[in-house]
Amino acid sequence: MKEKSIIKRLGLSEIIFIIGLVISSFVLINTIDITSKIEKENQSINNYSESIQYRLKYNGKEKPSQDEIYTLVNNIINCLEDLDCNTSICKVGVCVNNQIDDMFPEIVINTNDDYKLQLTDTNTSNPNEYQLVVGESVIELSEDHVGKSLNVAGIDVPIQGVYKNNNAAGIDYSITFMYNECGKDLKQYLNNQICNTFSSFSIVVKLYSDNSIDTAKSKFTTEMKNFSVDCQTYKQQYGGSDYQNYWYRFYNKIFITVCLVFSLFTCFSLSFLWISSRRKEMAIRKAFGYNNFVIFELLIKDIVKLSIPAIIASMVLEAVYCLVFGNLSFFDKYFIIKFCGIFIGTILIGVLCAINLMSEVSKITPVSVIREEK
């Protein structure tokens, strides 16, 4: 039996099937893109192989005086400075532009050799060159809205670095103070805020490094015990902008899953339409001695051929989508890896459709097709 090119016998059902593959491929593109954004965010949040947080609270029998609190906080800071790892104090409210809600910066106490600053201008930067680094969303809070400085409790602090925005929702209200690089007034204000928070509630400290921090953890917990400070492991919770990012990530996981499942069902439905339009061809092939396996192999080849224009069309569609909405994150340095994933994923979708059709192909017989023609 003479074989015809897939292009020459391209009919309405094949065109509709290609459209279904385009939809699936386009959804797959954005699934991979959003997944990569979330993965970047996770890498940004967990940028160190070793990390632990402790909630510190005074557990002495009598409530300490302000002077004792001040001395205790200084002892905690000195202990954090002496540890052989990166250390920070978190969950301490500061007043930024006359508002304190959701403004809980990270106050970096100690920067070890492996401390990283992922800024917009460079991948890594020397922390000794900065005293204030902020997320992109904080720029809007600056008085001039261009990110030159931030008013912290009446102290004009220049913004010297802006974090790379790896957050899935594009919302980043991060504020980081390099404690040892801060001016005298700013350092005193931060110290007072730490004391007030520790006196009223508790503070959270973070130990992190790319190297082992077992020794640092043991030393720190022992020192805190000597200071009558309750030191409990603290699990990261979501705050202001983190809730928005968390919801965005949750929403997209549900949304892209629903879209992907819907597109798969679309392909499965269209594949039945496609095979129905080729019932006569399948019957003739069986009459010429083709078995089900050979016919199935031919269908797989056709699906691979149909997948190529579907992938090209979906990539063009993605390029238009990116240009219209000004989001070119898909075309980054990992583009080739993403494209290979899309190529394999689209063909697998098509192959799954073909496997789904195998039972239908096995039911086709020359006699049944002749009866349908009557």
Protein backbone atom coordinates (compact mmCIF):
# COMPACT_ATOMS: atom_id res chain seq x y z
CA MET A 1 0.00 0.00 0.00
CA LYS A 2 1.50 3.34 -1.08
CA GLU A 3 2.24 5.68 1.83
CA LYS A 4 1.02 9.27 1.62
CA SER A 5 2.79 12.17 3.28
CA ILE A 6 1.13 13.34 6.48
CA ILE A 7 1.06 16.84 4.96
CA LYS A 8 -0.71 15.67 1.80
CA ARG A 9 -3.44 13.90 3.76
CA LEU A 10 -3.74 16.65 6.36
CA GLY A 11 -7.48 17.05 6.92
CA LEU A 12 -9.77 18.92 9.28
CA SER A 13 -9.33 16.37 12.08
CA GLU A 14 -5.51 16.63 11.86
CA ILE A 15 -5.70 20.44 11.97
CA ILE A 16 -8.00 20.31 15.02
CA PHE A 17 -5.65 17.78 16.64
CA ILE A 18 -2.69 20.14 16.04
CA ILE A 19 -4.69 22.96 17.66
CA GLY A 20 -5.26 20.71 20.67
CA LEU A 21 -1.53 20.00 20.87
CA VAL A 22 -0.81 23.74 20.57
CA ILE A 23 -3.09 24.40 23.56
CA SER A 24 -1.38 21.66 25.58
CA SER A 25 2.08 22.85 24.55
CA PHE A 26 1.25 26.47 25.43
CA VAL A 27 -0.03 25.39 28.84
CA LEU A 28 3.10 23.26 29.25
CA ILE A 29 5.28 26.29 28.43
CA ASN A 30 3.67 28.41 31.12
CA THR A 31 3.64 25.48 33.55
CA ILE A 32 7.42 25.14 33.17
CA ASP A 33 7.88 28.93 33.31
CA ILE A 34 5.88 29.35 36.53
CA THR A 35 7.50 26.27 38.05
CA SER A 36 10.94 27.70 37.28
CA LYS A 37 9.93 31.01 38.92
CA ILE A 38 8.79 29.20 42.03
CA GLU A 39 12.00 27.17 42.01
CA LYS A 40 14.02 30.40 41.74
CA GLU A 41 12.08 31.78 44.70
CA ASN A 42 12.80 28.66 46.72
CA GLN A 43 16.47 28.94 45.84
CA SER A 44 16.42 32.58 46.89
CA ILE A 45 14.73 31.83 50.22
CA ASN A 46 16.83 28.72 50.93
CA ASN A 47 20.06 30.04 49.49
CA TYR A 48 22.24 28.08 51.90
CA SER A 49 22.67 24.34 52.32
CA GLU A 50 22.59 24.64 56.14
CA SER A 51 20.06 26.88 57.90
CA ILE A 52 18.19 27.00 61.20
CA GLN A 53 16.14 29.57 63.09
CA TYR A 54 15.66 29.95 66.84
CA ARG A 55 13.05 31.86 68.79
CA LEU A 56 14.68 33.49 71.82
CA LYS A 57 12.76 34.40 74.95
CA TYR A 58 13.94 35.22 78.46
CA ASN A 59 13.03 32.44 80.90
CA GLY A 60 14.39 33.80 84.17
CA LYS A 61 12.29 33.74 87.33
CA GLU A 62 12.07 37.52 87.59
CA LYS A 63 11.38 40.00 84.83
CA PRO A 64 14.65 41.74 83.94
CA SER A 65 15.08 45.51 84.04
CA GLN A 66 15.70 47.54 80.88
CA ASP A 67 19.42 47.70 81.66
CA GLU A 68 19.52 43.93 82.06
CA ILE A 69 17.63 43.49 78.79
CA TYR A 70 20.08 45.83 77.06
CA THR A 71 23.04 43.86 78.44
CA LEU A 72 21.41 40.55 77.51
CA VAL A 73 20.72 41.67 73.92
CA ASN A 74 24.31 42.86 73.56
CA ASN A 75 25.49 39.47 74.81
CA ILE A 76 23.27 37.76 72.21
CA ILE A 77 24.64 40.00 69.45
CA ASN A 78 28.23 39.37 70.57
CA CYS A 79 27.55 35.64 70.58
CA LEU A 80 26.13 35.82 67.03
CA GLU A 81 29.18 37.78 65.89
CA ASP A 82 31.54 35.13 67.27
CA LEU A 83 29.87 32.19 65.51
CA ASP A 84 31.61 30.68 62.49
CA CYS A 85 28.61 31.12 60.18
CA ASN A 86 26.25 33.79 58.87
CA THR A 87 23.85 35.09 61.51
CA SER A 88 20.83 37.40 61.49
CA ILE A 89 18.12 38.72 63.80
CA CYS A 90 14.59 38.71 62.36
CA LYS A 91 11.02 39.58 63.36
CA VAL A 92 11.96 42.98 64.79
CA GLY A 93 9.62 45.80 63.73
CA VAL A 94 11.07 49.05 62.40
CA CYS A 95 9.36 52.31 61.48
CA VAL A 96 9.69 53.01 57.76
CA ASN A 97 8.13 56.22 56.44
CA ASN A 98 6.06 56.57 59.63
CA GLN A 99 4.60 53.08 59.36
CA ILE A 100 5.66 49.90 61.12
CA ASP A 101 3.10 47.37 59.86
CA ASP A 102 4.69 44.48 57.96
CA MET A 103 8.13 46.11 58.23
CA PHE A 104 10.12 43.30 59.82
CA PRO A 105 13.61 43.44 58.35
CA GLU A 106 16.47 41.02 58.57
CA ILE A 107 19.31 42.49 60.62
CA VAL A 108 22.48 40.73 59.51
CA ILE A 109 24.90 40.47 62.43
CA ASN A 110 27.68 38.31 61.03
CA THR A 111 28.69 37.74 57.40
CA ASN A 112 30.88 34.71 56.92
CA ASP A 113 32.99 34.02 53.83
CA ASP A 114 30.03 32.40 52.04
CA TYR A 115 27.50 35.20 52.63
CA LYS A 116 25.58 36.05 49.45
CA LEU A 117 23.81 39.16 48.27
CA GLN A 118 21.73 38.53 45.14
CA LEU A 119 21.32 42.03 43.77
CA THR A 120 19.88 43.33 40.51
CA ASP A 121 23.23 44.57 39.23
CA THR A 122 25.42 41.58 40.14
CA ASN A 123 24.92 37.97 41.16
CA THR A 124 26.94 38.34 44.35
CA SER A 125 28.25 41.41 46.15
CA ASN A 126 30.48 42.20 49.08
CA PRO A 127 28.21 42.79 52.13
CA ASN A 128 30.79 45.19 53.59
CA GLU A 129 29.84 47.72 50.90
CA TYR A 130 26.20 48.00 52.00
CA GLN A 131 24.20 49.00 55.06
CA LEU A 132 20.68 48.75 53.56
CA VAL A 133 19.46 46.35 50.87
CA VAL A 134 15.76 46.20 49.92
CA GLY A 135 13.34 44.32 47.69
CA GLU A 136 11.89 45.96 44.57
CA SER A 137 8.50 46.61 46.19
CA VAL A 138 10.14 48.71 48.93
CA ILE A 139 11.33 51.19 46.30
CA GLU A 140 7.76 52.50 46.07
CA LEU A 141 7.89 53.31 49.79
CA SER A 142 10.85 55.64 49.37
CA GLU A 143 10.01 59.33 49.49
CA ASP A 144 11.10 59.97 45.90
CA HIS A 145 9.73 56.60 44.68
CA VAL A 146 12.98 55.91 42.85
CA GLY A 147 14.78 54.16 45.68
CA LYS A 148 17.45 56.66 46.69
CA SER A 149 16.78 56.47 50.42
CA LEU A 150 14.40 55.21 53.09
CA ASN A 151 13.24 57.08 56.16
CA VAL A 152 13.81 54.77 59.12
CA ALA A 153 12.45 56.36 62.32
CA GLY A 154 13.49 59.81 61.13
CA ILE A 155 16.92 58.63 59.96
CA ASP A 156 17.54 59.06 56.24
CA VAL A 157 19.18 55.79 55.18
CA PRO A 158 20.47 55.49 51.59
CA ILE A 159 19.33 52.40 49.67
CA GLN A 160 22.55 50.87 48.39
CA GLY A 161 21.30 47.62 46.91
CA VAL A 162 18.13 46.10 45.44
CA TYR A 163 17.51 42.36 45.56
CA LYS A 164 16.89 40.33 42.44
CA ASN A 165 13.16 39.75 42.33
CA ASN A 166 12.87 35.95 42.35
CA ASN A 167 9.45 35.92 44.02
CA ALA A 168 6.71 34.18 42.05
CA ALA A 169 4.26 37.06 42.41
CA GLY A 170 6.85 39.75 41.82
CA ILE A 171 6.20 41.13 45.33
CA ASP A 172 9.26 41.65 47.50
CA TYR A 173 9.16 43.81 50.62
CA SER A 174 12.47 42.50 51.93
CA ILE A 175 14.55 44.89 54.04
CA THR A 176 18.04 43.91 55.15
CA PHE A 177 20.30 45.95 57.42
CA MET A 178 24.01 45.11 57.65
CA TYR A 179 24.33 45.79 61.37
CA ASN A 180 28.08 46.42 61.50
CA GLU A 181 27.95 48.76 58.49
CA CYS A 182 25.12 50.92 59.86
CA GLY A 183 25.77 54.42 61.15
CA LYS A 184 25.85 55.13 64.88
CA ASP A 185 22.26 56.48 65.07
CA LEU A 186 20.79 53.70 62.95
CA LYS A 187 22.66 51.00 64.88
CA GLN A 188 21.41 52.46 68.17
CA TYR A 189 17.81 52.52 66.85
CA LEU A 190 18.02 48.90 65.67
CA ASN A 191 19.51 47.89 69.00
CA ASN A 192 16.67 49.60 70.86
CA GLN A 193 14.08 47.87 68.66
CA ILE A 194 15.67 44.49 69.32
CA CYS A 195 15.62 45.20 73.07
CA ASN A 196 11.97 46.31 73.00
CA THR A 197 10.89 43.27 70.99
CA PHE A 198 12.87 40.88 73.18
CA SER A 199 11.49 42.47 76.35
CA SER A 200 7.85 42.36 75.20
CA PHE A 201 7.74 39.22 73.08
CA SER A 202 10.67 37.34 71.61
CA ILE A 203 13.17 37.64 68.79
CA VAL A 204 14.12 35.20 66.05
CA VAL A 205 17.73 34.55 65.11
CA LYS A 206 18.94 32.72 62.04
CA LEU A 207 22.13 30.71 61.57
CA TYR A 208 23.00 29.79 57.99
CA SER A 209 25.93 28.75 55.83
CA ASP A 210 26.94 26.51 52.94
CA ASN A 211 29.20 24.68 55.38
CA SER A 212 28.22 22.65 58.43
CA ILE A 213 26.75 24.73 61.26
CA ASP A 214 26.58 21.93 63.85
CA THR A 215 29.38 23.45 65.94
CA ALA A 216 27.80 26.92 65.72
CA LYS A 217 24.39 25.54 66.79
CA SER A 218 25.87 23.74 69.76
CA LYS A 219 27.87 26.78 70.86
CA PHE A 220 24.92 29.15 70.45
CA THR A 221 22.37 27.03 72.33
CA THR A 222 24.87 26.50 75.17
CA GLU A 223 25.51 30.25 75.43
CA MET A 224 21.78 31.01 75.45
CA LYS A 225 21.27 28.50 78.25
CA ASN A 226 23.97 30.27 80.27
CA PHE A 227 22.13 33.59 79.70
CA SER A 228 18.80 32.07 80.90
CA VAL A 229 17.36 32.48 77.42
CA ASP A 230 14.86 29.92 76.13
CA CYS A 231 16.10 28.84 72.68
CA GLN A 232 13.54 26.92 70.62
CA THR A 233 13.72 25.91 66.98
CA TYR A 234 11.54 28.23 64.94
CA LYS A 235 9.77 27.28 61.74
CA GLN A 236 9.53 29.97 59.08
CA GLN A 237 6.07 31.50 58.84
CA TYR A 238 4.59 33.76 56.22
CA GLY A 239 4.31 37.48 56.78
CA GLY A 240 2.84 40.39 54.77
CA SER A 241 4.18 40.06 51.23
CA ASP A 242 4.98 36.37 51.80
CA TYR A 243 1.24 35.64 52.12
CA GLN A 244 0.68 37.22 48.71
CA ASN A 245 3.51 35.21 47.18
CA TYR A 246 2.31 32.04 48.91
CA TRP A 247 -1.24 32.55 47.60
CA TYR A 248 0.12 33.26 44.11
CA ARG A 249 2.12 30.06 44.21
CA PHE A 250 -0.85 28.03 45.52
CA TYR A 251 -3.20 29.59 42.95
CA ASN A 252 -0.84 28.86 40.07
CA LYS A 253 -0.27 25.27 41.17
CA ILE A 254 -4.03 24.70 41.09
CA PHE A 255 -4.60 26.78 37.96
CA ILE A 256 -1.85 25.23 35.83
CA THR A 257 -2.83 21.73 36.98
CA VAL A 258 -6.46 22.30 35.94
CA CYS A 259 -5.35 23.81 32.62
CA LEU A 260 -2.98 20.94 31.92
CA VAL A 261 -5.60 18.31 32.74
CA PHE A 262 -8.16 20.17 30.61
CA SER A 263 -5.74 20.34 27.68
CA LEU A 264 -5.00 16.62 28.03
CA PHE A 265 -8.71 15.81 27.94
CA THR A 266 -9.00 18.08 24.91
CA CYS A 267 -6.27 16.12 23.16
CA PHE A 268 -7.82 12.79 24.12
CA SER A 269 -11.20 13.91 22.77
CA LEU A 270 -9.69 15.24 19.56
CA SER A 271 -7.64 12.06 19.13
CA PHE A 272 -10.89 10.05 19.00
CA LEU A 273 -12.16 12.48 16.36
CA TRP A 274 -8.89 12.04 14.49
CA ILE A 275 -9.01 8.24 14.55
CA SER A 276 -12.70 8.25 13.61
CA SER A 277 -11.85 10.17 10.43
CA ARG A 278 -9.28 7.48 9.59
CA ARG A 279 -11.40 4.40 10.28
CA LYS A 280 -11.66 3.58 6.58
CA GLU A 281 -7.88 3.91 6.19
CA MET A 282 -7.30 1.63 9.20
CA ALA A 283 -9.74 -0.95 7.79
CA ILE A 284 -8.02 -0.93 4.38
CA ARG A 285 -4.62 -1.34 6.04
CA LYS A 286 -5.91 -4.32 8.03
CA ALA A 287 -7.35 -5.80 4.84
CA PHE A 288 -3.83 -5.57 3.33
CA GLY A 289 -2.42 -7.52 6.27
CA TYR A 290 -1.34 -4.75 8.66
CA ASN A 291 -1.62 -5.85 12.28
CA ASN A 292 -2.56 -3.59 15.20
CA PHE A 293 1.06 -3.03 16.25
CA VAL A 294 2.14 -1.79 12.81
CA ILE A 295 -0.89 0.54 12.61
CA PHE A 296 -0.13 1.80 16.09
CA GLU A 297 3.49 2.46 15.04
CA LEU A 298 2.25 4.47 12.04
CA LEU A 299 -0.02 6.51 14.32
CA ILE A 300 2.90 7.28 16.64
CA LYS A 301 4.97 8.52 13.68
CA ASP A 302 2.09 10.70 12.51
CA ILE A 303 1.63 12.15 16.00
CA VAL A 304 5.34 13.03 16.19
CA LYS A 305 5.02 14.76 12.80
CA LEU A 306 1.92 16.61 13.97
CA SER A 307 3.68 17.64 17.18
CA ILE A 308 6.40 19.60 15.34
CA PRO A 309 4.09 22.30 13.88
CA ALA A 310 2.19 22.32 17.19
CA ILE A 311 5.38 23.11 19.12
CA ILE A 312 6.43 25.80 16.63
CA ALA A 313 2.96 27.39 16.77
CA SER A 314 2.94 27.32 20.58
CA MET A 315 6.40 28.93 20.73
CA VAL A 316 5.23 31.72 18.40
CA LEU A 317 2.12 32.11 20.57
CA GLU A 318 4.32 32.27 23.70
CA ALA A 319 6.56 34.93 22.09
CA VAL A 320 3.50 37.06 21.26
CA TYR A 321 2.16 36.53 24.79
CA CYS A 322 5.50 37.60 26.32
CA LEU A 323 5.74 40.71 24.12
CA VAL A 324 2.15 41.80 24.81
CA PHE A 325 2.45 41.41 28.59
CA GLY A 326 6.10 42.45 28.80
CA ASN A 327 7.17 39.23 30.52
CA LEU A 328 10.28 37.79 28.90
CA SER A 329 11.30 35.57 31.82
CA PHE A 330 10.72 32.43 29.74
CA PHE A 331 13.50 33.41 27.34
CA ASP A 332 16.28 33.30 29.92
CA LYS A 333 19.54 31.34 30.06
CA TYR A 334 17.56 28.14 30.75
CA PHE A 335 15.55 28.53 27.54
CA ILE A 336 17.14 25.51 25.80
CA ILE A 337 16.41 23.24 28.78
CA LYS A 338 12.81 24.52 28.95
CA PHE A 339 12.38 24.05 25.20
CA CYS A 340 13.64 20.45 25.39
CA GLY A 341 11.19 19.82 28.23
CA ILE A 342 8.33 21.26 26.15
CA PHE A 343 9.35 19.26 23.07
CA ILE A 344 9.45 15.98 25.00
CA GLY A 345 6.31 16.85 26.97
CA THR A 346 4.26 17.67 23.87
CA ILE A 347 5.30 14.48 22.10
CA LEU A 348 4.51 12.47 25.25
CA ILE A 349 1.04 14.02 25.33
CA GLY A 350 0.56 12.95 21.73
CA VAL A 351 1.89 9.46 22.44
CA LEU A 352 -0.44 9.13 25.43
CA CYS A 353 -3.28 10.03 23.10
CA ALA A 354 -2.14 7.30 20.72
CA ILE A 355 -1.94 4.73 23.53
CA ASN A 356 -5.42 5.80 24.52
CA LEU A 357 -6.53 5.05 20.96
CA MET A 358 -5.02 1.57 20.79
CA SER A 359 -8.17 -0.08 22.10
CA GLU A 360 -10.20 1.82 19.51
CA VAL A 361 -7.85 0.74 16.70
CA SER A 362 -8.12 -2.91 17.74
CA LYS A 363 -11.92 -2.72 17.33
CA ILE A 364 -11.71 -1.56 13.70
CA THR A 365 -12.26 -4.34 11.18
CA PRO A 366 -12.86 -4.19 7.41
CA VAL A 367 -16.28 -5.80 7.92
CA SER A 368 -17.41 -3.24 10.51
CA VAL A 369 -16.36 -0.33 8.28
CA ILE A 370 -18.19 -1.84 5.26
CA ARG A 371 -21.34 -2.17 7.38
CA GLU A 372 -21.04 1.49 8.42
CA GLU A 373 -20.78 2.52 4.77
CA LYS A 374 -24.10 0.85 3.91
